[in-house]
Amino acid sequence: MSDLKSSANMRRRGFLLAGSVGAAGAVAVAVVPSIKNVAPAAAKATPEGAGYTGGQRAQQYYDTTRV
């Protein structure tokens, strides 16, 4: 009786493993073309003085956290 249970469990495991491998392969096939089509982001040149400058509170916070 134990051999029958063991055999059935091994078949179930094999079936689940094959299904998992198949699903992973399908995802890989679907994702790889979209990765190749992604263009690298162009670096934007920001003029001097533009962008985030923080503020007095932010500067005070960073000064207090400095070790």
PDB file of N, CA and C in Angstrom:
ATOM      1  N   MET A   1       0.823  -1.189   0.000  1.00  0.00           N
ATOM      2  CA  MET A   1       0.000   0.000   0.000  1.00  0.00           C
ATOM      3  C   MET A   1       0.869   1.255   0.000  1.00  0.00           C
ATOM      4  N   SER A   2       1.957   1.195   0.721  1.00  0.00           N
ATOM      5  CA  SER A   2       2.845   2.346   0.805  1.00  0.00           C
ATOM      6  C   SER A   2       3.456   2.658  -0.557  1.00  0.00           C
ATOM      7  N   ASP A   3       3.755   1.631  -1.337  1.00  0.00           N
ATOM      8  CA  ASP A   3       4.333   1.842  -2.656  1.00  0.00           C
ATOM      9  C   ASP A   3       3.341   2.544  -3.587  1.00  0.00           C
ATOM     10  N   LEU A   4       2.068   2.216  -3.457  1.00  0.00           N
ATOM     11  CA  LEU A   4       1.059   2.851  -4.288  1.00  0.00           C
ATOM     12  C   LEU A   4       0.936   4.343  -3.964  1.00  0.00           C
ATOM     13  N   LYS A   5       0.961   4.680  -2.672  1.00  0.00           N
ATOM     14  CA  LYS A   5       0.882   6.083  -2.263  1.00  0.00           C
ATOM     15  C   LYS A   5       2.105   6.843  -2.739  1.00  0.00           C
ATOM     16  N   SER A   6       3.253   6.219  -2.579  1.00  0.00           N
ATOM     17  CA  SER A   6       4.506   6.845  -2.976  1.00  0.00           C
ATOM     18  C   SER A   6       4.528   7.076  -4.481  1.00  0.00           C
ATOM     19  N   SER A   7       4.061   6.120  -5.231  1.00  0.00           N
ATOM     20  CA  SER A   7       4.032   6.235  -6.680  1.00  0.00           C
ATOM     21  C   SER A   7       3.086   7.353  -7.125  1.00  0.00           C
ATOM     22  N   ALA A   8       1.928   7.427  -6.486  1.00  0.00           N
ATOM     23  CA  ALA A   8       0.956   8.463  -6.826  1.00  0.00           C
ATOM     24  C   ALA A   8       1.504   9.843  -6.471  1.00  0.00           C
ATOM     25  N   ASN A   9       2.181   9.943  -5.332  1.00  0.00           N
ATOM     26  CA  ASN A   9       2.757  11.227  -4.930  1.00  0.00           C
ATOM     27  C   ASN A   9       3.847  11.663  -5.903  1.00  0.00           C
ATOM     28  N   MET A  10       4.652  10.734  -6.364  1.00  0.00           N
ATOM     29  CA  MET A  10       5.721  11.078  -7.300  1.00  0.00           C
ATOM     30  C   MET A  10       5.134  11.540  -8.626  1.00  0.00           C
ATOM     31  N   ARG A  11       4.060  10.917  -9.065  1.00  0.00           N
ATOM     32  CA  ARG A  11       3.417  11.347 -10.312  1.00  0.00           C
ATOM     33  C   ARG A  11       2.827  12.746 -10.165  1.00  0.00           C
ATOM     34  N   ARG A  12       2.211  13.007  -9.020  1.00  0.00           N
ATOM     35  CA  ARG A  12       1.661  14.345  -8.776  1.00  0.00           C
ATOM     36  C   ARG A  12       2.771  15.387  -8.758  1.00  0.00           C
ATOM     37  N   ARG A  13       3.858  15.052  -8.086  1.00  0.00           N
ATOM     38  CA  ARG A  13       4.972  15.989  -8.013  1.00  0.00           C
ATOM     39  C   ARG A  13       5.555  16.258  -9.390  1.00  0.00           C
ATOM     40  N   GLY A  14       5.682  15.210 -10.186  1.00  0.00           N
ATOM     41  CA  GLY A  14       6.194  15.380 -11.542  1.00  0.00           C
ATOM     42  C   GLY A  14       5.281  16.248 -12.382  1.00  0.00           C
ATOM     43  N   PHE A  15       3.980  16.050 -12.235  1.00  0.00           N
ATOM     44  CA  PHE A  15       3.009  16.843 -12.969  1.00  0.00           C
ATOM     45  C   PHE A  15       3.088  18.307 -12.566  1.00  0.00           C
ATOM     46  N   LEU A  16       3.146  18.566 -11.272  1.00  0.00           N
ATOM     47  CA  LEU A  16       3.231  19.946 -10.789  1.00  0.00           C
ATOM     48  C   LEU A  16       4.552  20.598 -11.196  1.00  0.00           C
ATOM     49  N   LEU A  17       5.624  19.842 -11.144  1.00  0.00           N
ATOM     50  CA  LEU A  17       6.923  20.369 -11.551  1.00  0.00           C
ATOM     51  C   LEU A  17       6.910  20.725 -13.036  1.00  0.00           C
ATOM     52  N   ALA A  18       6.358  19.847 -13.859  1.00  0.00           N
ATOM     53  CA  ALA A  18       6.297  20.118 -15.295  1.00  0.00           C
ATOM     54  C   ALA A  18       5.428  21.341 -15.574  1.00  0.00           C
ATOM     55  N   GLY A  19       4.339  21.477 -14.855  1.00  0.00           N
ATOM     56  CA  GLY A  19       3.481  22.646 -15.031  1.00  0.00           C
ATOM     57  C   GLY A  19       4.179  23.927 -14.614  1.00  0.00           C
ATOM     58  N   SER A  20       4.928  23.868 -13.536  1.00  0.00           N
ATOM     59  CA  SER A  20       5.661  25.045 -13.061  1.00  0.00           C
ATOM     60  C   SER A  20       6.749  25.450 -14.040  1.00  0.00           C
ATOM     61  N   VAL A  21       7.474  24.475 -14.543  1.00  0.00           N
ATOM     62  CA  VAL A  21       8.537  24.762 -15.507  1.00  0.00           C
ATOM     63  C   VAL A  21       7.938  25.334 -16.785  1.00  0.00           C
ATOM     64  N   GLY A  22       6.828  24.791 -17.216  1.00  0.00           N
ATOM     65  CA  GLY A  22       6.162  25.296 -18.413  1.00  0.00           C
ATOM     66  C   GLY A  22       5.681  26.727 -18.233  1.00  0.00           C
ATOM     67  N   ALA A  23       5.118  27.025 -17.071  1.00  0.00           N
ATOM     68  CA  ALA A  23       4.642  28.385 -16.797  1.00  0.00           C
ATOM     69  C   ALA A  23       5.805  29.365 -16.742  1.00  0.00           C
ATOM     70  N   ALA A  24       6.908  28.961 -16.122  1.00  0.00           N
ATOM     71  CA  ALA A  24       8.078  29.836 -16.047  1.00  0.00           C
ATOM     72  C   ALA A  24       8.640  30.090 -17.441  1.00  0.00           C
ATOM     73  N   GLY A  25       8.639  29.073 -18.280  1.00  0.00           N
ATOM     74  CA  GLY A  25       9.106  29.241 -19.651  1.00  0.00           C
ATOM     75  C   GLY A  25       8.212  30.189 -20.434  1.00  0.00           C
ATOM     76  N   ALA A  26       6.914  30.084 -20.231  1.00  0.00           N
ATOM     77  CA  ALA A  26       5.986  30.966 -20.934  1.00  0.00           C
ATOM     78  C   ALA A  26       6.177  32.420 -20.502  1.00  0.00           C
ATOM     79  N   VAL A  27       6.403  32.632 -19.232  1.00  0.00           N
ATOM     80  CA  VAL A  27       6.645  33.989 -18.738  1.00  0.00           C
ATOM     81  C   VAL A  27       7.946  34.526 -19.317  1.00  0.00           C
ATOM     82  N   ALA A  28       8.976  33.697 -19.364  1.00  0.00           N
ATOM     83  CA  ALA A  28      10.261  34.134 -19.903  1.00  0.00           C
ATOM     84  C   ALA A  28      10.135  34.517 -21.373  1.00  0.00           C
ATOM     85  N   VAL A  29       9.394  33.742 -22.119  1.00  0.00           N
ATOM     86  CA  VAL A  29       9.210  34.039 -23.543  1.00  0.00           C
ATOM     87  C   VAL A  29       8.447  35.349 -23.719  1.00  0.00           C
ATOM     88  N   ALA A  30       7.505  35.621 -22.847  1.00  0.00           N
ATOM     89  CA  ALA A  30       6.717  36.833 -22.958  1.00  0.00           C
ATOM     90  C   ALA A  30       7.501  38.068 -22.524  1.00  0.00           C
ATOM     91  N   VAL A  31       8.410  37.919 -21.571  1.00  0.00           N
ATOM     92  CA  VAL A  31       9.118  39.064 -21.009  1.00  0.00           C
ATOM     93  C   VAL A  31      10.341  39.450 -21.821  1.00  0.00           C
ATOM     94  N   VAL A  32      11.067  38.495 -22.368  1.00  0.00           N
ATOM     95  CA  VAL A  32      12.328  38.778 -23.052  1.00  0.00           C
ATOM     96  C   VAL A  32      12.173  39.773 -24.204  1.00  0.00           C
ATOM     97  N   PRO A  33      11.204  39.656 -25.088  1.00  0.00           N
ATOM     98  CA  PRO A  33      11.086  40.655 -26.155  1.00  0.00           C
ATOM     99  C   PRO A  33      10.833  42.066 -25.627  1.00  0.00           C
ATOM    100  N   SER A  34      10.075  42.194 -24.547  1.00  0.00           N
ATOM    101  CA  SER A  34       9.796  43.524 -24.025  1.00  0.00           C
ATOM    102  C   SER A  34      11.034  44.130 -23.378  1.00  0.00           C
ATOM    103  N   ILE A  35      11.934  43.319 -22.882  1.00  0.00           N
ATOM    104  CA  ILE A  35      13.168  43.837 -22.301  1.00  0.00           C
ATOM    105  C   ILE A  35      14.071  44.384 -23.396  1.00  0.00           C
ATOM    106  N   LYS A  36      14.114  43.722 -24.530  1.00  0.00           N
ATOM    107  CA  LYS A  36      14.967  44.164 -25.624  1.00  0.00           C
ATOM    108  C   LYS A  36      14.490  45.479 -26.222  1.00  0.00           C
ATOM    109  N   ASN A  37      13.194  45.775 -26.139  1.00  0.00           N
ATOM    110  CA  ASN A  37      12.631  46.969 -26.748  1.00  0.00           C
ATOM    111  C   ASN A  37      12.744  48.211 -25.869  1.00  0.00           C
ATOM    112  N   VAL A  38      13.214  48.062 -24.652  1.00  0.00           N
ATOM    113  CA  VAL A  38      13.315  49.195 -23.750  1.00  0.00           C
ATOM    114  C   VAL A  38      14.552  50.008 -24.115  1.00  0.00           C
ATOM    115  N   ALA A  39      14.341  51.273 -24.406  1.00  0.00           N
ATOM    116  CA  ALA A  39      15.456  52.158 -24.757  1.00  0.00           C
ATOM    117  C   ALA A  39      16.043  52.739 -23.481  1.00  0.00           C
ATOM    118  N   PRO A  40      17.343  52.925 -23.450  1.00  0.00           N
ATOM    119  CA  PRO A  40      17.934  53.529 -22.260  1.00  0.00           C
ATOM    120  C   PRO A  40      17.476  54.973 -22.112  1.00  0.00           C
ATOM    121  N   ALA A  41      17.282  55.371 -20.905  1.00  0.00           N
ATOM    122  CA  ALA A  41      16.808  56.728 -20.643  1.00  0.00           C
ATOM    123  C   ALA A  41      17.922  57.728 -20.937  1.00  0.00           C
ATOM    124  N   ALA A  42      17.561  58.771 -21.635  1.00  0.00           N
ATOM    125  CA  ALA A  42      18.536  59.814 -21.952  1.00  0.00           C
ATOM    126  C   ALA A  42      18.735  60.695 -20.734  1.00  0.00           C
ATOM    127  N   ALA A  43      19.973  61.005 -20.447  1.00  0.00           N
ATOM    128  CA  ALA A  43      20.274  61.868 -19.314  1.00  0.00           C
ATOM    129  C   ALA A  43      19.920  63.304 -19.678  1.00  0.00           C
ATOM    130  N   LYS A  44      19.140  63.918 -18.824  1.00  0.00           N
ATOM    131  CA  LYS A  44      18.726  65.294 -19.084  1.00  0.00           C
ATOM    132  C   LYS A  44      19.721  66.230 -18.409  1.00  0.00           C
ATOM    133  N   ALA A  45      20.183  67.178 -19.155  1.00  0.00           N
ATOM    134  CA  ALA A  45      21.074  68.181 -18.595  1.00  0.00           C
ATOM    135  C   ALA A  45      20.237  69.254 -17.922  1.00  0.00           C
ATOM    136  N   THR A  46      20.478  69.467 -16.637  1.00  0.00           N
ATOM    137  CA  THR A  46      19.732  70.502 -15.927  1.00  0.00           C
ATOM    138  C   THR A  46      20.621  71.722 -15.781  1.00  0.00           C
ATOM    139  N   PRO A  47      20.067  72.854 -16.053  1.00  0.00           N
ATOM    140  CA  PRO A  47      20.852  74.081 -15.906  1.00  0.00           C
ATOM    141  C   PRO A  47      21.231  74.310 -14.448  1.00  0.00           C
ATOM    142  N   GLU A  48      22.292  75.017 -14.228  1.00  0.00           N
ATOM    143  CA  GLU A  48      22.768  75.307 -12.878  1.00  0.00           C
ATOM    144  C   GLU A  48      21.679  76.028 -12.096  1.00  0.00           C
ATOM    145  N   GLY A  49      21.427  75.574 -10.898  1.00  0.00           N
ATOM    146  CA  GLY A  49      20.422  76.213 -10.062  1.00  0.00           C
ATOM    147  C   GLY A  49      19.031  75.638 -10.225  1.00  0.00           C
ATOM    148  N   ALA A  50      18.828  74.758 -11.180  1.00  0.00           N
ATOM    149  CA  ALA A  50      17.510  74.167 -11.372  1.00  0.00           C
ATOM    150  C   ALA A  50      17.428  72.861 -10.605  1.00  0.00           C
ATOM    151  N   GLY A  51      16.235  72.421 -10.324  1.00  0.00           N
ATOM    152  CA  GLY A  51      16.035  71.146  -9.651  1.00  0.00           C
ATOM    153  C   GLY A  51      15.789  71.341  -8.167  1.00  0.00           C
ATOM    154  N   TYR A  52      15.870  70.259  -7.437  1.00  0.00           N
ATOM    155  CA  TYR A  52      15.592  70.274  -6.003  1.00  0.00           C
ATOM    156  C   TYR A  52      16.734  70.952  -5.259  1.00  0.00           C
ATOM    157  N   THR A  53      16.399  71.927  -4.465  1.00  0.00           N
ATOM    158  CA  THR A  53      17.421  72.631  -3.696  1.00  0.00           C
ATOM    159  C   THR A  53      17.273  72.396  -2.212  1.00  0.00           C
ATOM    160  N   GLY A  54      16.206  71.722  -1.804  1.00  0.00           N
ATOM    161  CA  GLY A  54      15.983  71.511  -0.388  1.00  0.00           C
ATOM    162  C   GLY A  54      15.487  72.785   0.250  1.00  0.00           C
ATOM    163  N   GLY A  55      15.731  72.904   1.492  1.00  0.00           N
ATOM    164  CA  GLY A  55      15.308  74.104   2.198  1.00  0.00           C
ATOM    165  C   GLY A  55      16.041  74.176   3.517  1.00  0.00           C
ATOM    166  N   GLN A  56      15.696  75.151   4.298  1.00  0.00           N
ATOM    167  CA  GLN A  56      16.375  75.334   5.574  1.00  0.00           C
ATOM    168  C   GLN A  56      16.096  74.158   6.501  1.00  0.00           C
ATOM    169  N   ARG A  57      14.843  73.686   6.540  1.00  0.00           N
ATOM    170  CA  ARG A  57      14.508  72.550   7.409  1.00  0.00           C
ATOM    171  C   ARG A  57      15.230  71.283   6.969  1.00  0.00           C
ATOM    172  N   ALA A  58      15.286  71.057   5.661  1.00  0.00           N
ATOM    173  CA  ALA A  58      15.981  69.864   5.167  1.00  0.00           C
ATOM    174  C   ALA A  58      17.460  69.936   5.513  1.00  0.00           C
ATOM    175  N   GLN A  59      18.062  71.078   5.346  1.00  0.00           N
ATOM    176  CA  GLN A  59      19.480  71.247   5.659  1.00  0.00           C
ATOM    177  C   GLN A  59      19.724  71.041   7.160  1.00  0.00           C
ATOM    178  N   GLN A  60      18.826  71.557   7.986  1.00  0.00           N
ATOM    179  CA  GLN A  60      18.957  71.386   9.431  1.00  0.00           C
ATOM    180  C   GLN A  60      18.849  69.905   9.789  1.00  0.00           C
ATOM    181  N   TYR A  61      17.919  69.185   9.151  1.00  0.00           N
ATOM    182  CA  TYR A  61      17.768  67.758   9.410  1.00  0.00           C
ATOM    183  C   TYR A  61      19.052  67.012   9.055  1.00  0.00           C
ATOM    184  N   TYR A  62      19.594  67.287   7.884  1.00  0.00           N
ATOM    185  CA  TYR A  62      20.810  66.597   7.475  1.00  0.00           C
ATOM    186  C   TYR A  62      21.990  66.947   8.358  1.00  0.00           C
ATOM    187  N   ASP A  63      22.033  68.172   8.855  1.00  0.00           N
ATOM    188  CA  ASP A  63      23.108  68.554   9.772  1.00  0.00           C
ATOM    189  C   ASP A  63      22.993  67.796  11.093  1.00  0.00           C
ATOM    190  N   THR A  64      21.781  67.569  11.575  1.00  0.00           N
ATOM    191  CA  THR A  64      21.612  66.867  12.847  1.00  0.00           C
ATOM    192  C   THR A  64      21.854  65.367  12.727  1.00  0.00           C
ATOM    193  N   THR A  65      21.717  64.811  11.530  1.00  0.00           N
ATOM    194  CA  THR A  65      21.922  63.365  11.366  1.00  0.00           C
ATOM    195  C   THR A  65      23.365  63.023  11.007  1.00  0.00           C
ATOM    196  N   ARG A  66      24.163  64.000  10.741  1.00  0.00           N
ATOM    197  CA  ARG A  66      25.556  63.751  10.372  1.00  0.00           C
ATOM    198  C   ARG A  66      26.294  63.203  11.593  1.00  0.00           C
ATOM    199  N   VAL A  67      27.062  62.167  11.395  1.00  0.00           N
ATOM    200  CA  VAL A  67      27.791  61.539  12.508  1.00  0.00           C
ATOM    201  C   VAL A  67      29.185  62.091  12.590  1.00  0.00           C
TER     202      VAL A  67
END
